[in-house]
Amino acid sequence: DRLIYEIIDKNGITKVGTFRVAGRKKDVWELKMNYEKDMKYEWDGTNSHVPATLLKTWFKTIENPVVPTILYDQIINSELGPGLIDILEMFPDTNRKLILKIVDFLKLLGYE
């Protein structure tokens, strides 16, 4: 949640290339260390690329996939609509909430 808010707060939804351009390694490291120390993604910088880079890194390095392996083919082969909602209901609660949060965030990006 907090990384998404940091991206929004740093005007990341209106900047071109927020996820394409990498944040400075030193700043990304600082933001990551702040989280590991205080469990807070708070950063005083103004560059949306930094929290976006950390979010991308987090997705690349999480141990368990957001889409459970046993449901992957069902999700890929489903159509938008009630069937997709039924599959999402089979996700673990944490994974489902994360997917819904990311979808809401992507909608924001799409509106800008």
PDB file of N, CA and C in Angstrom:
ATOM      1  N   ASP A   1       0.818  -1.196   0.000  1.00  0.00           N
ATOM      2  CA  ASP A   1       0.000   0.000   0.000  1.00  0.00           C
ATOM      3  C   ASP A   1       0.866   1.266   0.000  1.00  0.00           C
ATOM      4  N   ARG A   2       1.807   1.301   0.915  1.00  0.00           N
ATOM      5  CA  ARG A   2       2.565   2.537   1.113  1.00  0.00           C
ATOM      6  C   ARG A   2       3.408   2.907  -0.115  1.00  0.00           C
ATOM      7  N   LEU A   3       3.983   1.922  -0.774  1.00  0.00           N
ATOM      8  CA  LEU A   3       4.764   2.242  -1.972  1.00  0.00           C
ATOM      9  C   LEU A   3       3.881   2.857  -3.047  1.00  0.00           C
ATOM     10  N   ILE A   4       2.676   2.358  -3.195  1.00  0.00           N
ATOM     11  CA  ILE A   4       1.744   2.919  -4.169  1.00  0.00           C
ATOM     12  C   ILE A   4       1.426   4.362  -3.797  1.00  0.00           C
ATOM     13  N   TYR A   5       1.177   4.612  -2.521  1.00  0.00           N
ATOM     14  CA  TYR A   5       0.903   5.984  -2.087  1.00  0.00           C
ATOM     15  C   TYR A   5       2.102   6.896  -2.320  1.00  0.00           C
ATOM     16  N   GLU A   6       3.304   6.371  -2.126  1.00  0.00           N
ATOM     17  CA  GLU A   6       4.503   7.168  -2.378  1.00  0.00           C
ATOM     18  C   GLU A   6       4.607   7.519  -3.860  1.00  0.00           C
ATOM     19  N   ILE A   7       4.291   6.571  -4.729  1.00  0.00           N
ATOM     20  CA  ILE A   7       4.330   6.837  -6.166  1.00  0.00           C
ATOM     21  C   ILE A   7       3.316   7.924  -6.524  1.00  0.00           C
ATOM     22  N   ILE A   8       2.116   7.802  -5.989  1.00  0.00           N
ATOM     23  CA  ILE A   8       1.066   8.796  -6.246  1.00  0.00           C
ATOM     24  C   ILE A   8       1.482  10.153  -5.685  1.00  0.00           C
ATOM     25  N   ASP A   9       1.994  10.148  -4.440  1.00  0.00           N
ATOM     26  CA  ASP A   9       2.393  11.386  -3.775  1.00  0.00           C
ATOM     27  C   ASP A   9       3.496  12.120  -4.536  1.00  0.00           C
ATOM     28  N   LYS A  10       4.350  11.361  -5.194  1.00  0.00           N
ATOM     29  CA  LYS A  10       5.462  11.958  -5.942  1.00  0.00           C
ATOM     30  C   LYS A  10       5.053  12.231  -7.396  1.00  0.00           C
ATOM     31  N   ASN A  11       3.745  12.309  -7.640  1.00  0.00           N
ATOM     32  CA  ASN A  11       3.189  12.605  -8.974  1.00  0.00           C
ATOM     33  C   ASN A  11       3.541  11.560 -10.018  1.00  0.00           C
ATOM     34  N   GLY A  12       3.718  10.333  -9.574  1.00  0.00           N
ATOM     35  CA  GLY A  12       4.083   9.253 -10.487  1.00  0.00           C
ATOM     36  C   GLY A  12       3.012   8.880 -11.483  1.00  0.00           C
ATOM     37  N   ILE A  13       1.755   9.203 -11.171  1.00  0.00           N
ATOM     38  CA  ILE A  13       0.712   8.831 -12.131  1.00  0.00           C
ATOM     39  C   ILE A  13       0.622   9.816 -13.284  1.00  0.00           C
ATOM     40  N   THR A  14       1.274  10.965 -13.163  1.00  0.00           N
ATOM     41  CA  THR A  14       1.240  11.940 -14.256  1.00  0.00           C
ATOM     42  C   THR A  14       2.575  12.025 -15.004  1.00  0.00           C
ATOM     43  N   LYS A  15       3.610  11.404 -14.474  1.00  0.00           N
ATOM     44  CA  LYS A  15       4.923  11.444 -15.128  1.00  0.00           C
ATOM     45  C   LYS A  15       5.026  10.337 -16.174  1.00  0.00           C
ATOM     46  N   VAL A  16       5.631  10.671 -17.273  1.00  0.00           N
ATOM     47  CA  VAL A  16       5.889   9.669 -18.298  1.00  0.00           C
ATOM     48  C   VAL A  16       7.063   8.806 -17.844  1.00  0.00           C
ATOM     49  N   GLY A  17       6.909   7.491 -17.944  1.00  0.00           N
ATOM     50  CA  GLY A  17       8.021   6.589 -17.654  1.00  0.00           C
ATOM     51  C   GLY A  17       8.264   6.288 -16.188  1.00  0.00           C
ATOM     52  N   THR A  18       7.254   6.458 -15.345  1.00  0.00           N
ATOM     53  CA  THR A  18       7.447   6.208 -13.916  1.00  0.00           C
ATOM     54  C   THR A  18       8.012   4.816 -13.660  1.00  0.00           C
ATOM     55  N   PHE A  19       7.521   3.812 -14.377  1.00  0.00           N
ATOM     56  CA  PHE A  19       7.999   2.443 -14.168  1.00  0.00           C
ATOM     57  C   PHE A  19       9.086   2.044 -15.159  1.00  0.00           C
ATOM     58  N   ARG A  20       9.276   2.824 -16.182  1.00  0.00           N
ATOM     59  CA  ARG A  20      10.281   2.508 -17.195  1.00  0.00           C
ATOM     60  C   ARG A  20      11.654   3.020 -16.788  1.00  0.00           C
ATOM     61  N   VAL A  21      11.696   4.185 -16.164  1.00  0.00           N
ATOM     62  CA  VAL A  21      12.955   4.804 -15.751  1.00  0.00           C
ATOM     63  C   VAL A  21      13.278   4.360 -14.327  1.00  0.00           C
ATOM     64  N   ALA A  22      14.465   3.847 -14.147  1.00  0.00           N
ATOM     65  CA  ALA A  22      14.868   3.371 -12.820  1.00  0.00           C
ATOM     66  C   ALA A  22      15.228   4.536 -11.902  1.00  0.00           C
ATOM     67  N   GLY A  23      14.884   4.367 -10.613  1.00  0.00           N
ATOM     68  CA  GLY A  23      15.311   5.337  -9.610  1.00  0.00           C
ATOM     69  C   GLY A  23      16.789   5.154  -9.293  1.00  0.00           C
ATOM     70  N   ARG A  24      17.387   6.188  -8.728  1.00  0.00           N
ATOM     71  CA  ARG A  24      18.801   6.083  -8.334  1.00  0.00           C
ATOM     72  C   ARG A  24      18.979   4.964  -7.320  1.00  0.00           C
ATOM     73  N   LYS A  25      19.977   4.129  -7.535  1.00  0.00           N
ATOM     74  CA  LYS A  25      20.197   2.973  -6.663  1.00  0.00           C
ATOM     75  C   LYS A  25      20.329   3.379  -5.197  1.00  0.00           C
ATOM     76  N   LYS A  26      21.055   4.450  -4.957  1.00  0.00           N
ATOM     77  CA  LYS A  26      21.256   4.915  -3.579  1.00  0.00           C
ATOM     78  C   LYS A  26      19.918   5.262  -2.924  1.00  0.00           C
ATOM     79  N   ASP A  27      19.041   5.949  -3.665  1.00  0.00           N
ATOM     80  CA  ASP A  27      17.738   6.333  -3.117  1.00  0.00           C
ATOM     81  C   ASP A  27      16.828   5.116  -2.913  1.00  0.00           C
ATOM     82  N   VAL A  28      16.874   4.183  -3.865  1.00  0.00           N
ATOM     83  CA  VAL A  28      16.069   2.955  -3.726  1.00  0.00           C
ATOM     84  C   VAL A  28      16.540   2.188  -2.505  1.00  0.00           C
ATOM     85  N   TRP A  29      17.840   2.089  -2.321  1.00  0.00           N
ATOM     86  CA  TRP A  29      18.411   1.396  -1.166  1.00  0.00           C
ATOM     87  C   TRP A  29      17.978   2.077   0.133  1.00  0.00           C
ATOM     88  N   GLU A  30      18.019   3.412   0.142  1.00  0.00           N
ATOM     89  CA  GLU A  30      17.617   4.174   1.325  1.00  0.00           C
ATOM     90  C   GLU A  30      16.151   3.910   1.676  1.00  0.00           C
ATOM     91  N   LEU A  31      15.295   3.922   0.678  1.00  0.00           N
ATOM     92  CA  LEU A  31      13.865   3.661   0.912  1.00  0.00           C
ATOM     93  C   LEU A  31      13.662   2.246   1.431  1.00  0.00           C
ATOM     94  N   LYS A  32      14.374   1.297   0.862  1.00  0.00           N
ATOM     95  CA  LYS A  32      14.276  -0.101   1.312  1.00  0.00           C
ATOM     96  C   LYS A  32      14.759  -0.239   2.753  1.00  0.00           C
ATOM     97  N   MET A  33      15.860   0.410   3.085  1.00  0.00           N
ATOM     98  CA  MET A  33      16.391   0.336   4.444  1.00  0.00           C
ATOM     99  C   MET A  33      15.434   0.989   5.446  1.00  0.00           C
ATOM    100  N   ASN A  34      14.796   2.085   5.048  1.00  0.00           N
ATOM    101  CA  ASN A  34      13.807   2.719   5.927  1.00  0.00           C
ATOM    102  C   ASN A  34      12.692   1.738   6.260  1.00  0.00           C
ATOM    103  N   TYR A  35      12.255   0.996   5.263  1.00  0.00           N
ATOM    104  CA  TYR A  35      11.195   0.021   5.498  1.00  0.00           C
ATOM    105  C   TYR A  35      11.680  -1.090   6.423  1.00  0.00           C
ATOM    106  N   GLU A  36      12.846  -1.631   6.142  1.00  0.00           N
ATOM    107  CA  GLU A  36      13.352  -2.739   6.954  1.00  0.00           C
ATOM    108  C   GLU A  36      13.595  -2.307   8.397  1.00  0.00           C
ATOM    109  N   LYS A  37      13.925  -1.043   8.588  1.00  0.00           N
ATOM    110  CA  LYS A  37      14.183  -0.531   9.937  1.00  0.00           C
ATOM    111  C   LYS A  37      12.887  -0.251  10.696  1.00  0.00           C
ATOM    112  N   ASP A  38      11.975   0.479  10.074  1.00  0.00           N
ATOM    113  CA  ASP A  38      10.765   0.935  10.770  1.00  0.00           C
ATOM    114  C   ASP A  38       9.467   0.363  10.217  1.00  0.00           C
ATOM    115  N   MET A  39       9.569  -0.516   9.214  1.00  0.00           N
ATOM    116  CA  MET A  39       8.383  -1.067   8.548  1.00  0.00           C
ATOM    117  C   MET A  39       7.523   0.039   7.939  1.00  0.00           C
ATOM    118  N   LYS A  40       8.185   1.088   7.459  1.00  0.00           N
ATOM    119  CA  LYS A  40       7.489   2.202   6.816  1.00  0.00           C
ATOM    120  C   LYS A  40       8.193   2.544   5.518  1.00  0.00           C
ATOM    121  N   TYR A  41       7.401   2.699   4.465  1.00  0.00           N
ATOM    122  CA  TYR A  41       7.941   3.165   3.193  1.00  0.00           C
ATOM    123  C   TYR A  41       7.781   4.666   3.147  1.00  0.00           C
ATOM    124  N   GLU A  42       8.637   5.353   3.857  1.00  0.00           N
ATOM    125  CA  GLU A  42       8.596   6.805   3.849  1.00  0.00           C
ATOM    126  C   GLU A  42       9.919   7.311   3.322  1.00  0.00           C
ATOM    127  N   TRP A  43       9.814   8.236   2.408  1.00  0.00           N
ATOM    128  CA  TRP A  43      11.008   8.758   1.771  1.00  0.00           C
ATOM    129  C   TRP A  43      10.798  10.233   1.511  1.00  0.00           C
ATOM    130  N   ASP A  44      11.787  11.035   1.819  1.00  0.00           N
ATOM    131  CA  ASP A  44      11.670  12.488   1.691  1.00  0.00           C
ATOM    132  C   ASP A  44      11.928  12.990   0.276  1.00  0.00           C
ATOM    133  N   GLY A  45      12.364  12.122  -0.612  1.00  0.00           N
ATOM    134  CA  GLY A  45      12.671  12.549  -1.968  1.00  0.00           C
ATOM    135  C   GLY A  45      11.425  12.922  -2.760  1.00  0.00           C
ATOM    136  N   THR A  46      11.646  13.438  -3.952  1.00  0.00           N
ATOM    137  CA  THR A  46      10.534  13.899  -4.784  1.00  0.00           C
ATOM    138  C   THR A  46      10.394  13.097  -6.069  1.00  0.00           C
ATOM    139  N   ASN A  47      11.215  12.123  -6.277  1.00  0.00           N
ATOM    140  CA  ASN A  47      11.257  11.380  -7.520  1.00  0.00           C
ATOM    141  C   ASN A  47      10.392  10.126  -7.429  1.00  0.00           C
ATOM    142  N   SER A  48       9.354  10.033  -8.270  1.00  0.00           N
ATOM    143  CA  SER A  48       8.460   8.869  -8.243  1.00  0.00           C
ATOM    144  C   SER A  48       9.134   7.602  -8.750  1.00  0.00           C
ATOM    145  N   HIS A  49      10.260   7.750  -9.438  1.00  0.00           N
ATOM    146  CA  HIS A  49      10.947   6.578  -9.979  1.00  0.00           C
ATOM    147  C   HIS A  49      11.511   5.702  -8.862  1.00  0.00           C
ATOM    148  N   VAL A  50      11.821   6.291  -7.726  1.00  0.00           N
ATOM    149  CA  VAL A  50      12.418   5.535  -6.626  1.00  0.00           C
ATOM    150  C   VAL A  50      11.408   4.543  -6.028  1.00  0.00           C
ATOM    151  N   PRO A  51      10.234   4.984  -5.557  1.00  0.00           N
ATOM    152  CA  PRO A  51       9.285   3.989  -5.045  1.00  0.00           C
ATOM    153  C   PRO A  51       8.795   3.038  -6.144  1.00  0.00           C
ATOM    154  N   ALA A  52       8.709   3.500  -7.381  1.00  0.00           N
ATOM    155  CA  ALA A  52       8.293   2.619  -8.483  1.00  0.00           C
ATOM    156  C   ALA A  52       9.332   1.517  -8.707  1.00  0.00           C
ATOM    157  N   THR A  53      10.605   1.876  -8.653  1.00  0.00           N
ATOM    158  CA  THR A  53      11.668   0.878  -8.808  1.00  0.00           C
ATOM    159  C   THR A  53      11.625  -0.129  -7.677  1.00  0.00           C
ATOM    160  N   LEU A  54      11.401   0.336  -6.460  1.00  0.00           N
ATOM    161  CA  LEU A  54      11.336  -0.584  -5.325  1.00  0.00           C
ATOM    162  C   LEU A  54      10.120  -1.505  -5.448  1.00  0.00           C
ATOM    163  N   LEU A  55       9.005  -0.989  -5.914  1.00  0.00           N
ATOM    164  CA  LEU A  55       7.817  -1.832  -6.112  1.00  0.00           C
ATOM    165  C   LEU A  55       8.091  -2.906  -7.162  1.00  0.00           C
ATOM    166  N   LYS A  56       8.710  -2.523  -8.271  1.00  0.00           N
ATOM    167  CA  LYS A  56       9.063  -3.510  -9.297  1.00  0.00           C
ATOM    168  C   LYS A  56      10.016  -4.564  -8.732  1.00  0.00           C
ATOM    169  N   THR A  57      10.990  -4.118  -7.968  1.00  0.00           N
ATOM    170  CA  THR A  57      11.954  -5.044  -7.366  1.00  0.00           C
ATOM    171  C   THR A  57      11.252  -6.010  -6.425  1.00  0.00           C
ATOM    172  N   TRP A  58      10.311  -5.492  -5.646  1.00  0.00           N
ATOM    173  CA  TRP A  58       9.578  -6.341  -4.714  1.00  0.00           C
ATOM    174  C   TRP A  58       8.831  -7.440  -5.475  1.00  0.00           C
ATOM    175  N   PHE A  59       8.153  -7.070  -6.558  1.00  0.00           N
ATOM    176  CA  PHE A  59       7.425  -8.068  -7.339  1.00  0.00           C
ATOM    177  C   PHE A  59       8.361  -9.111  -7.941  1.00  0.00           C
ATOM    178  N   LYS A  60       9.563  -8.696  -8.322  1.00  0.00           N
ATOM    179  CA  LYS A  60      10.516  -9.636  -8.920  1.00  0.00           C
ATOM    180  C   LYS A  60      11.103 -10.607  -7.895  1.00  0.00           C
ATOM    181  N   THR A  61      11.115 -10.197  -6.638  1.00  0.00           N
ATOM    182  CA  THR A  61      11.837 -10.996  -5.642  1.00  0.00           C
ATOM    183  C   THR A  61      10.962 -11.681  -4.603  1.00  0.00           C
ATOM    184  N   ILE A  62       9.644 -11.495  -4.658  1.00  0.00           N
ATOM    185  CA  ILE A  62       8.816 -12.154  -3.650  1.00  0.00           C
ATOM    186  C   ILE A  62       8.909 -13.669  -3.818  1.00  0.00           C
ATOM    187  N   GLU A  63       8.860 -14.355  -2.698  1.00  0.00           N
ATOM    188  CA  GLU A  63       9.064 -15.800  -2.696  1.00  0.00           C
ATOM    189  C   GLU A  63       7.915 -16.543  -3.378  1.00  0.00           C
ATOM    190  N   ASN A  64       6.695 -16.176  -3.054  1.00  0.00           N
ATOM    191  CA  ASN A  64       5.527 -16.848  -3.620  1.00  0.00           C
ATOM    192  C   ASN A  64       4.851 -15.931  -4.627  1.00  0.00           C
ATOM    193  N   PRO A  65       4.440 -16.477  -5.766  1.00  0.00           N
ATOM    194  CA  PRO A  65       3.814 -15.623  -6.773  1.00  0.00           C
ATOM    195  C   PRO A  65       2.484 -15.041  -6.287  1.00  0.00           C
ATOM    196  N   VAL A  66       2.156 -13.858  -6.782  1.00  0.00           N
ATOM    197  CA  VAL A  66       0.892 -13.214  -6.419  1.00  0.00           C
ATOM    198  C   VAL A  66      -0.273 -14.039  -6.941  1.00  0.00           C
ATOM    199  N   VAL A  67      -0.139 -14.544  -8.160  1.00  0.00           N
ATOM    200  CA  VAL A  67      -1.144 -15.453  -8.712  1.00  0.00           C
ATOM    201  C   VAL A  67      -0.690 -16.867  -8.364  1.00  0.00           C
ATOM    202  N   PRO A  68      -1.451 -17.561  -7.505  1.00  0.00           N
ATOM    203  CA  PRO A  68      -1.043 -18.923  -7.124  1.00  0.00           C
ATOM    204  C   PRO A  68      -0.847 -19.808  -8.354  1.00  0.00           C
ATOM    205  N   THR A  69       0.204 -20.584  -8.337  1.00  0.00           N
ATOM    206  CA  THR A  69       0.555 -21.431  -9.473  1.00  0.00           C
ATOM    207  C   THR A  69      -0.610 -22.304  -9.924  1.00  0.00           C
ATOM    208  N   ILE A  70      -1.345 -22.863  -8.980  1.00  0.00           N
ATOM    209  CA  ILE A  70      -2.441 -23.767  -9.353  1.00  0.00           C
ATOM    210  C   ILE A  70      -3.606 -23.042 -10.033  1.00  0.00           C
ATOM    211  N   LEU A  71      -3.661 -21.716  -9.894  1.00  0.00           N
ATOM    212  CA  LEU A  71      -4.743 -20.943 -10.518  1.00  0.00           C
ATOM    213  C   LEU A  71      -4.283 -20.159 -11.744  1.00  0.00           C
ATOM    214  N   TYR A  72      -2.991 -20.234 -12.055  1.00  0.00           N
ATOM    215  CA  TYR A  72      -2.428 -19.411 -13.128  1.00  0.00           C
ATOM    216  C   TYR A  72      -3.131 -19.666 -14.470  1.00  0.00           C
ATOM    217  N   ASP A  73      -3.235 -20.921 -14.881  1.00  0.00           N
ATOM    218  CA  ASP A  73      -3.849 -21.222 -16.177  1.00  0.00           C
ATOM    219  C   ASP A  73      -5.308 -20.777 -16.226  1.00  0.00           C
ATOM    220  N   GLN A  74      -6.017 -20.942 -15.120  1.00  0.00           N
ATOM    221  CA  GLN A  74      -7.415 -20.498 -15.082  1.00  0.00           C
ATOM    222  C   GLN A  74      -7.525 -18.990 -15.283  1.00  0.00           C
ATOM    223  N   ILE A  75      -6.654 -18.236 -14.630  1.00  0.00           N
ATOM    224  CA  ILE A  75      -6.667 -16.775 -14.771  1.00  0.00           C
ATOM    225  C   ILE A  75      -6.329 -16.381 -16.205  1.00  0.00           C
ATOM    226  N   ILE A  76      -5.296 -16.963 -16.761  1.00  0.00           N
ATOM    227  CA  ILE A  76      -4.856 -16.609 -18.107  1.00  0.00           C
ATOM    228  C   ILE A  76      -5.939 -16.925 -19.139  1.00  0.00           C
ATOM    229  N   ASN A  77      -6.641 -18.013 -18.953  1.00  0.00           N
ATOM    230  CA  ASN A  77      -7.634 -18.441 -19.937  1.00  0.00           C
ATOM    231  C   ASN A  77      -9.044 -17.919 -19.662  1.00  0.00           C
ATOM    232  N   SER A  78      -9.220 -17.140 -18.613  1.00  0.00           N
ATOM    233  CA  SER A  78     -10.560 -16.649 -18.285  1.00  0.00           C
ATOM    234  C   SER A  78     -10.852 -15.344 -19.015  1.00  0.00           C
ATOM    235  N   GLU A  79     -12.114 -15.038 -19.124  1.00  0.00           N
ATOM    236  CA  GLU A  79     -12.545 -13.778 -19.704  1.00  0.00           C
ATOM    237  C   GLU A  79     -12.949 -12.848 -18.575  1.00  0.00           C
ATOM    238  N   LEU A  80     -12.924 -11.556 -18.848  1.00  0.00           N
ATOM    239  CA  LEU A  80     -13.390 -10.601 -17.853  1.00  0.00           C
ATOM    240  C   LEU A  80     -14.848 -10.895 -17.548  1.00  0.00           C
ATOM    241  N   GLY A  81     -15.193 -10.772 -16.301  1.00  0.00           N
ATOM    242  CA  GLY A  81     -16.581 -10.992 -15.918  1.00  0.00           C
ATOM    243  C   GLY A  81     -16.683 -11.877 -14.695  1.00  0.00           C
ATOM    244  N   PRO A  82     -17.864 -12.460 -14.507  1.00  0.00           N
ATOM    245  CA  PRO A  82     -18.107 -13.245 -13.287  1.00  0.00           C
ATOM    246  C   PRO A  82     -17.144 -14.410 -13.102  1.00  0.00           C
ATOM    247  N   GLY A  83     -16.716 -15.049 -14.188  1.00  0.00           N
ATOM    248  CA  GLY A  83     -15.783 -16.171 -14.053  1.00  0.00           C
ATOM    249  C   GLY A  83     -14.463 -15.750 -13.438  1.00  0.00           C
ATOM    250  N   LEU A  84     -13.988 -14.595 -13.818  1.00  0.00           N
ATOM    251  CA  LEU A  84     -12.739 -14.079 -13.269  1.00  0.00           C
ATOM    252  C   LEU A  84     -12.891 -13.786 -11.785  1.00  0.00           C
ATOM    253  N   ILE A  85     -14.028 -13.218 -11.416  1.00  0.00           N
ATOM    254  CA  ILE A  85     -14.290 -12.934  -9.993  1.00  0.00           C
ATOM    255  C   ILE A  85     -14.307 -14.232  -9.193  1.00  0.00           C
ATOM    256  N   ASP A  86     -14.907 -15.276  -9.746  1.00  0.00           N
ATOM    257  CA  ASP A  86     -14.942 -16.576  -9.057  1.00  0.00           C
ATOM    258  C   ASP A  86     -13.533 -17.112  -8.826  1.00  0.00           C
ATOM    259  N   ILE A  87     -12.657 -16.944  -9.817  1.00  0.00           N
ATOM    260  CA  ILE A  87     -11.280 -17.416  -9.665  1.00  0.00           C
ATOM    261  C   ILE A  87     -10.558 -16.581  -8.611  1.00  0.00           C
ATOM    262  N   LEU A  88     -10.756 -15.267  -8.645  1.00  0.00           N
ATOM    263  CA  LEU A  88     -10.126 -14.406  -7.633  1.00  0.00           C
ATOM    264  C   LEU A  88     -10.566 -14.786  -6.225  1.00  0.00           C
ATOM    265  N   GLU A  89     -11.788 -15.246  -6.075  1.00  0.00           N
ATOM    266  CA  GLU A  89     -12.287 -15.666  -4.756  1.00  0.00           C
ATOM    267  C   GLU A  89     -11.536 -16.887  -4.229  1.00  0.00           C
ATOM    268  N   MET A  90     -10.882 -17.637  -5.115  1.00  0.00           N
ATOM    269  CA  MET A  90     -10.105 -18.808  -4.697  1.00  0.00           C
ATOM    270  C   MET A  90      -8.697 -18.437  -4.239  1.00  0.00           C
ATOM    271  N   PHE A  91      -8.281 -17.203  -4.502  1.00  0.00           N
ATOM    272  CA  PHE A  91      -6.960 -16.744  -4.079  1.00  0.00           C
ATOM    273  C   PHE A  91      -6.903 -16.660  -2.554  1.00  0.00           C
ATOM    274  N   PRO A  92      -5.712 -16.849  -1.996  1.00  0.00           N
ATOM    275  CA  PRO A  92      -5.550 -16.520  -0.578  1.00  0.00           C
ATOM    276  C   PRO A  92      -5.921 -15.051  -0.361  1.00  0.00           C
ATOM    277  N   ASP A  93      -6.438 -14.737   0.789  1.00  0.00           N
ATOM    278  CA  ASP A  93      -6.950 -13.399   1.080  1.00  0.00           C
ATOM    279  C   ASP A  93      -5.918 -12.300   0.792  1.00  0.00           C
ATOM    280  N   THR A  94      -4.700 -12.487   1.230  1.00  0.00           N
ATOM    281  CA  THR A  94      -3.648 -11.486   1.028  1.00  0.00           C
ATOM    282  C   THR A  94      -3.381 -11.269  -0.459  1.00  0.00           C
ATOM    283  N   ASN A  95      -3.308 -12.350  -1.211  1.00  0.00           N
ATOM    284  CA  ASN A  95      -3.050 -12.244  -2.647  1.00  0.00           C
ATOM    285  C   ASN A  95      -4.195 -11.531  -3.362  1.00  0.00           C
ATOM    286  N   ARG A  96      -5.422 -11.869  -3.001  1.00  0.00           N
ATOM    287  CA  ARG A  96      -6.589 -11.238  -3.627  1.00  0.00           C
ATOM    288  C   ARG A  96      -6.598  -9.738  -3.354  1.00  0.00           C
ATOM    289  N   LYS A  97      -6.335  -9.360  -2.107  1.00  0.00           N
ATOM    290  CA  LYS A  97      -6.309  -7.933  -1.762  1.00  0.00           C
ATOM    291  C   LYS A  97      -5.208  -7.203  -2.530  1.00  0.00           C
ATOM    292  N   LEU A  98      -4.054  -7.842  -2.672  1.00  0.00           N
ATOM    293  CA  LEU A  98      -2.946  -7.232  -3.411  1.00  0.00           C
ATOM    294  C   LEU A  98      -3.323  -7.043  -4.880  1.00  0.00           C
ATOM    295  N   ILE A  99      -3.896  -8.063  -5.491  1.00  0.00           N
ATOM    296  CA  ILE A  99      -4.307  -7.959  -6.900  1.00  0.00           C
ATOM    297  C   ILE A  99      -5.303  -6.820  -7.066  1.00  0.00           C
ATOM    298  N   LEU A 100      -6.287  -6.734  -6.190  1.00  0.00           N
ATOM    299  CA  LEU A 100      -7.296  -5.682  -6.304  1.00  0.00           C
ATOM    300  C   LEU A 100      -6.679  -4.296  -6.112  1.00  0.00           C
ATOM    301  N   LYS A 101      -5.725  -4.176  -5.196  1.00  0.00           N
ATOM    302  CA  LYS A 101      -5.043  -2.895  -4.974  1.00  0.00           C
ATOM    303  C   LYS A 101      -4.240  -2.494  -6.214  1.00  0.00           C
ATOM    304  N   ILE A 102      -3.540  -3.452  -6.813  1.00  0.00           N
ATOM    305  CA  ILE A 102      -2.758  -3.168  -8.013  1.00  0.00           C
ATOM    306  C   ILE A 102      -3.676  -2.792  -9.179  1.00  0.00           C
ATOM    307  N   VAL A 103      -4.798  -3.478  -9.310  1.00  0.00           N
ATOM    308  CA  VAL A 103      -5.750  -3.139 -10.380  1.00  0.00           C
ATOM    309  C   VAL A 103      -6.267  -1.716 -10.192  1.00  0.00           C
ATOM    310  N   ASP A 104      -6.614  -1.353  -8.967  1.00  0.00           N
ATOM    311  CA  ASP A 104      -7.069   0.022  -8.705  1.00  0.00           C
ATOM    312  C   ASP A 104      -5.981   1.035  -9.071  1.00  0.00           C
ATOM    313  N   PHE A 105      -4.741   0.726  -8.723  1.00  0.00           N
ATOM    314  CA  PHE A 105      -3.623   1.611  -9.038  1.00  0.00           C
ATOM    315  C   PHE A 105      -3.436   1.726 -10.551  1.00  0.00           C
ATOM    316  N   LEU A 106      -3.515   0.605 -11.249  1.00  0.00           N
ATOM    317  CA  LEU A 106      -3.358   0.623 -12.700  1.00  0.00           C
ATOM    318  C   LEU A 106      -4.486   1.418 -13.366  1.00  0.00           C
ATOM    319  N   LYS A 107      -5.669   1.372 -12.783  1.00  0.00           N
ATOM    320  CA  LYS A 107      -6.761   2.190 -13.309  1.00  0.00           C
ATOM    321  C   LYS A 107      -6.418   3.667 -13.189  1.00  0.00           C
ATOM    322  N   LEU A 108      -5.839   4.063 -12.052  1.00  0.00           N
ATOM    323  CA  LEU A 108      -5.396   5.452 -11.887  1.00  0.00           C
ATOM    324  C   LEU A 108      -4.399   5.843 -12.955  1.00  0.00           C
ATOM    325  N   LEU A 109      -3.447   4.963 -13.210  1.00  0.00           N
ATOM    326  CA  LEU A 109      -2.435   5.235 -14.234  1.00  0.00           C
ATOM    327  C   LEU A 109      -3.089   5.380 -15.607  1.00  0.00           C
ATOM    328  N   GLY A 110      -4.104   4.575 -15.847  1.00  0.00           N
ATOM    329  CA  GLY A 110      -4.784   4.619 -17.142  1.00  0.00           C
ATOM    330  C   GLY A 110      -5.609   5.851 -17.365  1.00  0.00           C
ATOM    331  N   TYR A 111      -6.071   6.464 -16.278  1.00  0.00           N
ATOM    332  CA  TYR A 111      -6.891   7.667 -16.405  1.00  0.00           C
ATOM    333  C   TYR A 111      -6.058   8.891 -16.704  1.00  0.00           C
ATOM    334  N   GLU A 112      -4.795   8.853 -16.348  1.00  0.00           N
ATOM    335  CA  GLU A 112      -3.940  10.031 -16.536  1.00  0.00           C
ATOM    336  C   GLU A 112      -3.383  10.102 -17.919  1.00  0.00           C
TER     337      GLU A 112
END
